[in-house]
N, C-alpha and C. Protein backbone atom coordinates (compact mmCIF):
# COMPACT_ATOMS: atom_id res chain seq x y z
N MET A 1 0.84 -1.17 0.00
CA MET A 1 0.00 0.00 0.00
C MET A 1 0.89 1.24 0.00
N ARG A 2 0.57 2.17 -0.84
CA ARG A 2 1.38 3.38 -0.94
C ARG A 2 0.98 4.40 0.14
N PRO A 3 1.90 5.27 0.53
CA PRO A 3 1.56 6.29 1.51
C PRO A 3 0.62 7.34 0.90
N PHE A 4 -0.11 8.04 1.75
CA PHE A 4 -0.98 9.11 1.29
C PHE A 4 -0.15 10.26 0.73
N THR A 5 -0.69 10.92 -0.27
CA THR A 5 -0.04 12.13 -0.77
C THR A 5 -0.42 13.29 0.14
N ALA A 6 0.31 14.39 0.03
CA ALA A 6 0.00 15.57 0.83
C ALA A 6 -1.41 16.07 0.53
N GLY A 7 -1.82 16.01 -0.72
CA GLY A 7 -3.17 16.44 -1.10
C GLY A 7 -4.25 15.55 -0.50
N GLU A 8 -4.00 14.23 -0.48
CA GLU A 8 -4.96 13.31 0.11
C GLU A 8 -5.10 13.53 1.61
N LEU A 9 -3.98 13.73 2.27
CA LEU A 9 -4.02 13.99 3.71
C LEU A 9 -4.77 15.29 4.01
N ALA A 10 -4.50 16.32 3.23
CA ALA A 10 -5.19 17.60 3.43
C ALA A 10 -6.69 17.45 3.26
N SER A 11 -7.11 16.71 2.25
CA SER A 11 -8.54 16.47 2.02
C SER A 11 -9.17 15.69 3.16
N MET A 12 -8.49 14.67 3.64
CA MET A 12 -9.02 13.87 4.74
C MET A 12 -9.13 14.69 6.03
N ARG A 13 -8.18 15.58 6.26
CA ARG A 13 -8.22 16.43 7.46
C ARG A 13 -9.38 17.42 7.38
N ILE A 14 -9.66 17.93 6.20
CA ILE A 14 -10.79 18.84 6.03
C ILE A 14 -12.09 18.13 6.35
N VAL A 15 -12.24 16.91 5.83
CA VAL A 15 -13.45 16.11 6.08
C VAL A 15 -13.57 15.81 7.58
N GLN A 16 -12.47 15.38 8.20
CA GLN A 16 -12.48 15.06 9.64
C GLN A 16 -12.90 16.28 10.45
N ASN A 17 -12.32 17.43 10.17
CA ASN A 17 -12.65 18.63 10.93
C ASN A 17 -14.09 19.06 10.72
N ALA A 18 -14.62 18.89 9.53
CA ALA A 18 -16.00 19.27 9.24
C ALA A 18 -16.99 18.35 9.96
N ALA A 19 -16.56 17.15 10.31
CA ALA A 19 -17.45 16.19 10.97
C ALA A 19 -17.51 16.37 12.48
N MET A 20 -16.73 17.27 13.02
CA MET A 20 -16.72 17.50 14.47
C MET A 20 -17.86 18.44 14.82
N MET A 21 -18.94 17.86 15.36
CA MET A 21 -20.17 18.60 15.59
C MET A 21 -20.34 19.08 17.03
N ASP A 22 -19.35 18.82 17.86
CA ASP A 22 -19.45 19.20 19.27
C ASP A 22 -18.45 20.30 19.57
N THR A 23 -18.60 20.92 20.73
CA THR A 23 -17.70 21.99 21.15
C THR A 23 -17.21 21.69 22.56
N CYS A 24 -15.92 21.93 22.78
CA CYS A 24 -15.37 21.66 24.10
C CYS A 24 -14.38 22.74 24.52
N THR A 25 -14.02 22.66 25.78
CA THR A 25 -12.97 23.50 26.34
C THR A 25 -11.83 22.57 26.72
N LEU A 26 -10.65 22.86 26.22
CA LEU A 26 -9.45 22.09 26.57
C LEU A 26 -8.82 22.76 27.77
N ARG A 27 -8.58 21.98 28.82
CA ARG A 27 -8.04 22.52 30.07
C ARG A 27 -6.64 21.95 30.27
N LYS A 28 -5.63 22.74 29.91
CA LYS A 28 -4.23 22.29 30.02
C LYS A 28 -3.72 22.55 31.44
N TRP A 29 -3.10 21.51 31.98
CA TRP A 29 -2.55 21.55 33.32
C TRP A 29 -1.48 22.63 33.42
N ALA A 30 -1.66 23.58 34.34
CA ALA A 30 -0.71 24.67 34.53
C ALA A 30 -0.67 25.02 36.01
N PRO A 31 -0.09 24.14 36.84
CA PRO A 31 -0.13 24.37 38.28
C PRO A 31 0.68 25.59 38.68
N THR A 32 0.29 26.17 39.81
CA THR A 32 1.03 27.28 40.39
C THR A 32 1.62 26.79 41.72
N VAL A 33 2.47 27.60 42.32
CA VAL A 33 3.08 27.26 43.59
C VAL A 33 2.80 28.38 44.58
N ASP A 34 2.35 28.01 45.78
CA ASP A 34 2.08 29.04 46.78
C ASP A 34 3.36 29.48 47.48
N ASN A 35 3.24 30.35 48.45
CA ASN A 35 4.40 30.90 49.17
C ASN A 35 5.18 29.85 49.95
N TYR A 36 4.57 28.69 50.18
CA TYR A 36 5.22 27.62 50.94
C TYR A 36 5.79 26.53 50.04
N GLY A 37 5.72 26.74 48.72
CA GLY A 37 6.25 25.77 47.77
C GLY A 37 5.31 24.63 47.44
N THR A 38 4.07 24.74 47.86
CA THR A 38 3.07 23.71 47.60
C THR A 38 2.43 23.94 46.24
N GLU A 39 2.38 22.88 45.45
CA GLU A 39 1.77 22.97 44.12
C GLU A 39 0.25 23.09 44.26
N ILE A 40 -0.32 24.04 43.53
CA ILE A 40 -1.76 24.26 43.54
C ILE A 40 -2.28 23.97 42.14
N ALA A 41 -3.29 23.11 42.09
CA ALA A 41 -3.87 22.72 40.79
C ALA A 41 -4.45 23.94 40.08
N ALA A 42 -4.12 24.07 38.81
CA ALA A 42 -4.65 25.16 37.99
C ALA A 42 -4.60 24.73 36.53
N TYR A 43 -5.47 25.28 35.74
CA TYR A 43 -5.56 24.94 34.32
C TYR A 43 -5.64 26.21 33.49
N THR A 44 -5.14 26.13 32.26
CA THR A 44 -5.29 27.18 31.27
C THR A 44 -6.31 26.68 30.26
N ASP A 45 -7.40 27.43 30.09
CA ASP A 45 -8.50 26.98 29.24
C ASP A 45 -8.42 27.53 27.82
N THR A 46 -8.69 26.67 26.86
CA THR A 46 -8.89 27.06 25.46
C THR A 46 -10.34 26.73 25.15
N THR A 47 -11.15 27.74 24.91
CA THR A 47 -12.59 27.54 24.76
C THR A 47 -12.99 27.44 23.29
N ASP A 48 -14.22 26.97 23.08
CA ASP A 48 -14.84 26.88 21.75
C ASP A 48 -14.02 26.07 20.75
N VAL A 49 -13.52 24.92 21.18
CA VAL A 49 -12.75 24.04 20.32
C VAL A 49 -13.70 23.03 19.70
N ASP A 50 -13.65 22.89 18.37
CA ASP A 50 -14.46 21.88 17.69
C ASP A 50 -13.92 20.50 18.04
N CYS A 51 -14.84 19.58 18.36
CA CYS A 51 -14.44 18.23 18.72
C CYS A 51 -15.54 17.25 18.33
N GLY A 52 -15.22 15.99 18.42
CA GLY A 52 -16.19 14.94 18.14
C GLY A 52 -16.23 13.97 19.30
N LEU A 53 -17.33 13.97 20.06
CA LEU A 53 -17.46 13.13 21.23
C LEU A 53 -18.24 11.87 20.88
N ASP A 54 -17.72 10.72 21.29
CA ASP A 54 -18.40 9.44 21.10
C ASP A 54 -18.56 8.81 22.47
N VAL A 55 -19.81 8.74 22.95
CA VAL A 55 -20.08 8.17 24.26
C VAL A 55 -20.60 6.75 24.19
N SER A 56 -20.59 6.16 23.02
CA SER A 56 -21.14 4.81 22.85
C SER A 56 -20.29 3.73 23.49
N GLY A 57 -19.06 4.05 23.85
CA GLY A 57 -18.17 3.02 24.40
C GLY A 57 -18.11 2.98 25.90
N GLY A 58 -18.97 3.67 26.62
CA GLY A 58 -18.90 3.74 28.08
C GLY A 58 -19.51 2.56 28.78
N THR A 59 -18.99 1.36 28.55
CA THR A 59 -19.50 0.15 29.20
C THR A 59 -18.38 -0.55 29.91
N GLY A 60 -18.72 -1.55 30.69
CA GLY A 60 -17.72 -2.32 31.43
C GLY A 60 -16.71 -3.00 30.53
N SER A 61 -17.07 -3.23 29.27
CA SER A 61 -16.12 -3.87 28.36
C SER A 61 -14.94 -2.96 28.04
N ASN A 62 -15.04 -1.72 28.41
CA ASN A 62 -13.96 -0.77 28.15
C ASN A 62 -13.09 -0.54 29.38
N GLU A 63 -13.07 -1.50 30.30
CA GLU A 63 -12.19 -1.37 31.45
C GLU A 63 -10.76 -1.63 31.04
N ARG A 64 -9.86 -0.82 31.59
CA ARG A 64 -8.43 -1.00 31.32
C ARG A 64 -7.67 -0.96 32.62
N ARG A 65 -6.62 -1.76 32.67
CA ARG A 65 -5.75 -1.73 33.84
C ARG A 65 -4.62 -0.75 33.56
N ARG A 66 -4.46 0.20 34.45
CA ARG A 66 -3.39 1.18 34.33
C ARG A 66 -2.08 0.57 34.82
N PRO A 67 -0.96 1.20 34.46
CA PRO A 67 0.35 0.68 34.90
C PRO A 67 0.47 0.57 36.42
N ASP A 68 -0.25 1.43 37.18
CA ASP A 68 -0.17 1.37 38.64
C ASP A 68 -1.07 0.29 39.24
N GLY A 69 -1.77 -0.47 38.37
CA GLY A 69 -2.60 -1.57 38.83
C GLY A 69 -4.07 -1.23 39.01
N THR A 70 -4.42 0.06 39.03
CA THR A 70 -5.82 0.43 39.18
C THR A 70 -6.56 0.17 37.87
N ILE A 71 -7.87 0.01 37.98
CA ILE A 71 -8.69 -0.24 36.80
C ILE A 71 -9.54 0.99 36.55
N THR A 72 -9.61 1.39 35.31
CA THR A 72 -10.42 2.53 34.92
C THR A 72 -11.38 2.12 33.81
N THR A 73 -12.53 2.76 33.76
CA THR A 73 -13.49 2.49 32.69
C THR A 73 -13.54 3.70 31.77
N ILE A 74 -13.25 3.48 30.50
CA ILE A 74 -13.30 4.55 29.52
C ILE A 74 -14.76 4.93 29.30
N SER A 75 -15.07 6.20 29.52
CA SER A 75 -16.44 6.68 29.39
C SER A 75 -16.76 7.18 27.99
N ALA A 76 -15.76 7.66 27.29
CA ALA A 76 -16.00 8.27 25.98
C ALA A 76 -14.69 8.35 25.21
N THR A 77 -14.83 8.62 23.92
CA THR A 77 -13.70 8.88 23.04
C THR A 77 -13.91 10.26 22.43
N LEU A 78 -12.85 11.03 22.34
CA LEU A 78 -12.94 12.38 21.78
C LEU A 78 -11.97 12.50 20.63
N ARG A 79 -12.41 13.12 19.55
CA ARG A 79 -11.56 13.39 18.40
C ARG A 79 -11.31 14.90 18.31
N LEU A 80 -10.06 15.24 18.04
CA LEU A 80 -9.65 16.63 17.90
C LEU A 80 -8.80 16.77 16.64
N SER A 81 -8.74 17.98 16.12
CA SER A 81 -7.87 18.23 14.97
C SER A 81 -6.41 18.09 15.41
N LEU A 82 -5.52 17.96 14.44
CA LEU A 82 -4.09 17.87 14.75
C LEU A 82 -3.62 19.11 15.50
N GLU A 83 -4.13 20.24 15.11
CA GLU A 83 -3.75 21.51 15.74
C GLU A 83 -4.20 21.57 17.20
N ASP A 84 -5.45 21.20 17.45
CA ASP A 84 -6.00 21.31 18.81
C ASP A 84 -5.49 20.23 19.74
N GLY A 85 -5.21 19.05 19.23
CA GLY A 85 -4.78 17.94 20.08
C GLY A 85 -3.30 17.94 20.41
N ALA A 86 -2.52 18.69 19.67
CA ALA A 86 -1.06 18.70 19.88
C ALA A 86 -0.72 19.19 21.28
N GLY A 87 0.13 18.46 21.96
CA GLY A 87 0.61 18.88 23.26
C GLY A 87 -0.24 18.46 24.45
N LEU A 88 -1.39 17.84 24.22
CA LEU A 88 -2.21 17.39 25.34
C LEU A 88 -1.57 16.18 26.02
N THR A 89 -1.78 16.07 27.34
CA THR A 89 -1.24 14.96 28.11
C THR A 89 -2.32 14.41 29.04
N GLU A 90 -1.97 13.37 29.78
CA GLU A 90 -2.89 12.78 30.75
C GLU A 90 -3.29 13.74 31.86
N GLU A 91 -2.51 14.75 32.11
CA GLU A 91 -2.81 15.68 33.18
C GLU A 91 -3.86 16.71 32.78
N ASP A 92 -4.13 16.82 31.50
CA ASP A 92 -5.09 17.80 31.01
C ASP A 92 -6.51 17.28 31.16
N ARG A 93 -7.47 18.16 30.97
CA ARG A 93 -8.88 17.80 31.08
C ARG A 93 -9.65 18.37 29.90
N VAL A 94 -10.85 17.85 29.72
CA VAL A 94 -11.72 18.28 28.63
C VAL A 94 -13.12 18.51 29.21
N THR A 95 -13.73 19.63 28.85
CA THR A 95 -15.12 19.89 29.22
C THR A 95 -15.90 20.06 27.93
N VAL A 96 -16.87 19.17 27.70
CA VAL A 96 -17.71 19.27 26.50
C VAL A 96 -18.88 20.18 26.85
N THR A 97 -18.97 21.29 26.14
CA THR A 97 -19.98 22.31 26.44
C THR A 97 -21.20 22.24 25.53
N HIS A 98 -21.03 21.72 24.30
CA HIS A 98 -22.12 21.63 23.33
C HIS A 98 -22.08 20.29 22.62
N ARG A 99 -23.26 19.67 22.45
CA ARG A 99 -23.40 18.44 21.66
C ARG A 99 -24.30 18.76 20.49
N ASN A 100 -23.78 18.53 19.27
CA ASN A 100 -24.54 18.83 18.06
C ASN A 100 -25.09 20.26 18.09
N SER A 101 -24.25 21.17 18.51
CA SER A 101 -24.54 22.61 18.56
C SER A 101 -25.53 23.01 19.65
N GLU A 102 -25.95 22.09 20.50
CA GLU A 102 -26.86 22.43 21.59
C GLU A 102 -26.09 22.52 22.90
N LEU A 103 -26.34 23.58 23.65
CA LEU A 103 -25.67 23.82 24.93
C LEU A 103 -26.02 22.70 25.92
N LEU A 104 -25.01 22.17 26.58
CA LEU A 104 -25.21 21.16 27.61
C LEU A 104 -25.25 21.85 28.98
N ALA A 105 -26.24 21.52 29.77
CA ALA A 105 -26.32 22.05 31.12
C ALA A 105 -26.71 20.92 32.06
N PRO A 106 -25.80 20.37 32.80
CA PRO A 106 -24.42 20.82 32.95
C PRO A 106 -23.52 20.27 31.84
N ALA A 107 -22.37 20.89 31.71
CA ALA A 107 -21.37 20.43 30.74
C ALA A 107 -20.81 19.09 31.21
N LEU A 108 -20.20 18.34 30.30
CA LEU A 108 -19.61 17.04 30.61
C LEU A 108 -18.11 17.21 30.86
N ALA A 109 -17.65 16.79 32.03
CA ALA A 109 -16.25 16.97 32.42
C ALA A 109 -15.52 15.63 32.36
N TYR A 110 -14.38 15.62 31.70
CA TYR A 110 -13.60 14.40 31.53
C TYR A 110 -12.12 14.63 31.81
N GLY A 111 -11.47 13.56 32.23
CA GLY A 111 -10.02 13.50 32.30
C GLY A 111 -9.55 12.66 31.13
N ILE A 112 -8.30 12.79 30.77
CA ILE A 112 -7.72 12.02 29.67
C ILE A 112 -7.03 10.80 30.25
N ASP A 113 -7.35 9.62 29.74
CA ASP A 113 -6.74 8.39 30.22
C ASP A 113 -5.73 7.92 29.18
N GLY A 114 -4.46 7.93 29.53
CA GLY A 114 -3.42 7.53 28.59
C GLY A 114 -3.02 8.69 27.68
N GLN A 115 -1.99 8.46 26.94
CA GLN A 115 -1.51 9.50 26.02
C GLN A 115 -2.46 9.65 24.84
N PRO A 116 -2.75 10.89 24.42
CA PRO A 116 -3.55 11.09 23.21
C PRO A 116 -2.86 10.43 22.02
N GLN A 117 -3.65 9.80 21.18
CA GLN A 117 -3.11 9.07 20.03
C GLN A 117 -3.23 9.92 18.77
N ARG A 118 -2.11 10.15 18.09
CA ARG A 118 -2.10 10.96 16.87
C ARG A 118 -2.27 10.04 15.66
N GLY A 119 -3.25 10.37 14.83
CA GLY A 119 -3.46 9.66 13.58
C GLY A 119 -3.18 10.59 12.42
N PRO A 120 -3.44 10.15 11.20
CA PRO A 120 -3.14 10.98 10.03
C PRO A 120 -4.04 12.21 9.90
N THR A 121 -5.22 12.17 10.54
CA THR A 121 -6.15 13.30 10.38
C THR A 121 -6.46 14.01 11.68
N GLY A 122 -6.02 13.49 12.81
CA GLY A 122 -6.33 14.15 14.08
C GLY A 122 -5.89 13.31 15.27
N TYR A 123 -6.28 13.75 16.44
CA TYR A 123 -5.97 13.06 17.68
C TYR A 123 -7.21 12.36 18.21
N VAL A 124 -6.99 11.23 18.88
CA VAL A 124 -8.05 10.50 19.56
C VAL A 124 -7.66 10.40 21.03
N LEU A 125 -8.60 10.78 21.91
CA LEU A 125 -8.36 10.74 23.35
C LEU A 125 -9.37 9.79 23.98
N GLN A 126 -8.89 8.95 24.89
CA GLN A 126 -9.77 8.12 25.70
C GLN A 126 -10.09 8.92 26.96
N LEU A 127 -11.38 9.03 27.28
CA LEU A 127 -11.80 9.89 28.39
C LEU A 127 -12.44 9.11 29.52
N VAL A 128 -12.23 9.61 30.74
CA VAL A 128 -12.90 9.09 31.92
C VAL A 128 -13.64 10.26 32.57
N GLU A 129 -14.78 9.96 33.17
CA GLU A 129 -15.56 11.03 33.81
C GLU A 129 -14.82 11.59 35.02
N VAL A 130 -14.96 12.89 35.20
CA VAL A 130 -14.39 13.58 36.35
C VAL A 130 -15.55 14.13 37.16
N ARG A 131 -15.53 13.87 38.43
CA ARG A 131 -16.63 14.33 39.28
C ARG A 131 -16.18 15.46 40.15
């Protein structure tokens, strides 16, 4: 099988981005330190990011054992463009604010489980619910 041409990749990325019907806020981990040297949790938010949320996989069959031995259940899968997904890590969070252009109240809050996976047209993130 031959590799994709630059034109084919560009076309596929346009299609992928056009299919993202949801909106989210990307919350990048950016802790601060208080006067006593204690790390304080903080995030830098990027709002109104186009994304594609798939919640069909939130069943017990999606349980995974983490390297530390704990078991987590993947609640959803999120797709992001190459531009938006670049640099995300397990410490970051995602808040889905709109589904199919409709405002969610309350919004859906997720943590990222594992490293985001980069594909030819975008990033795929496995998500777990955050309470």
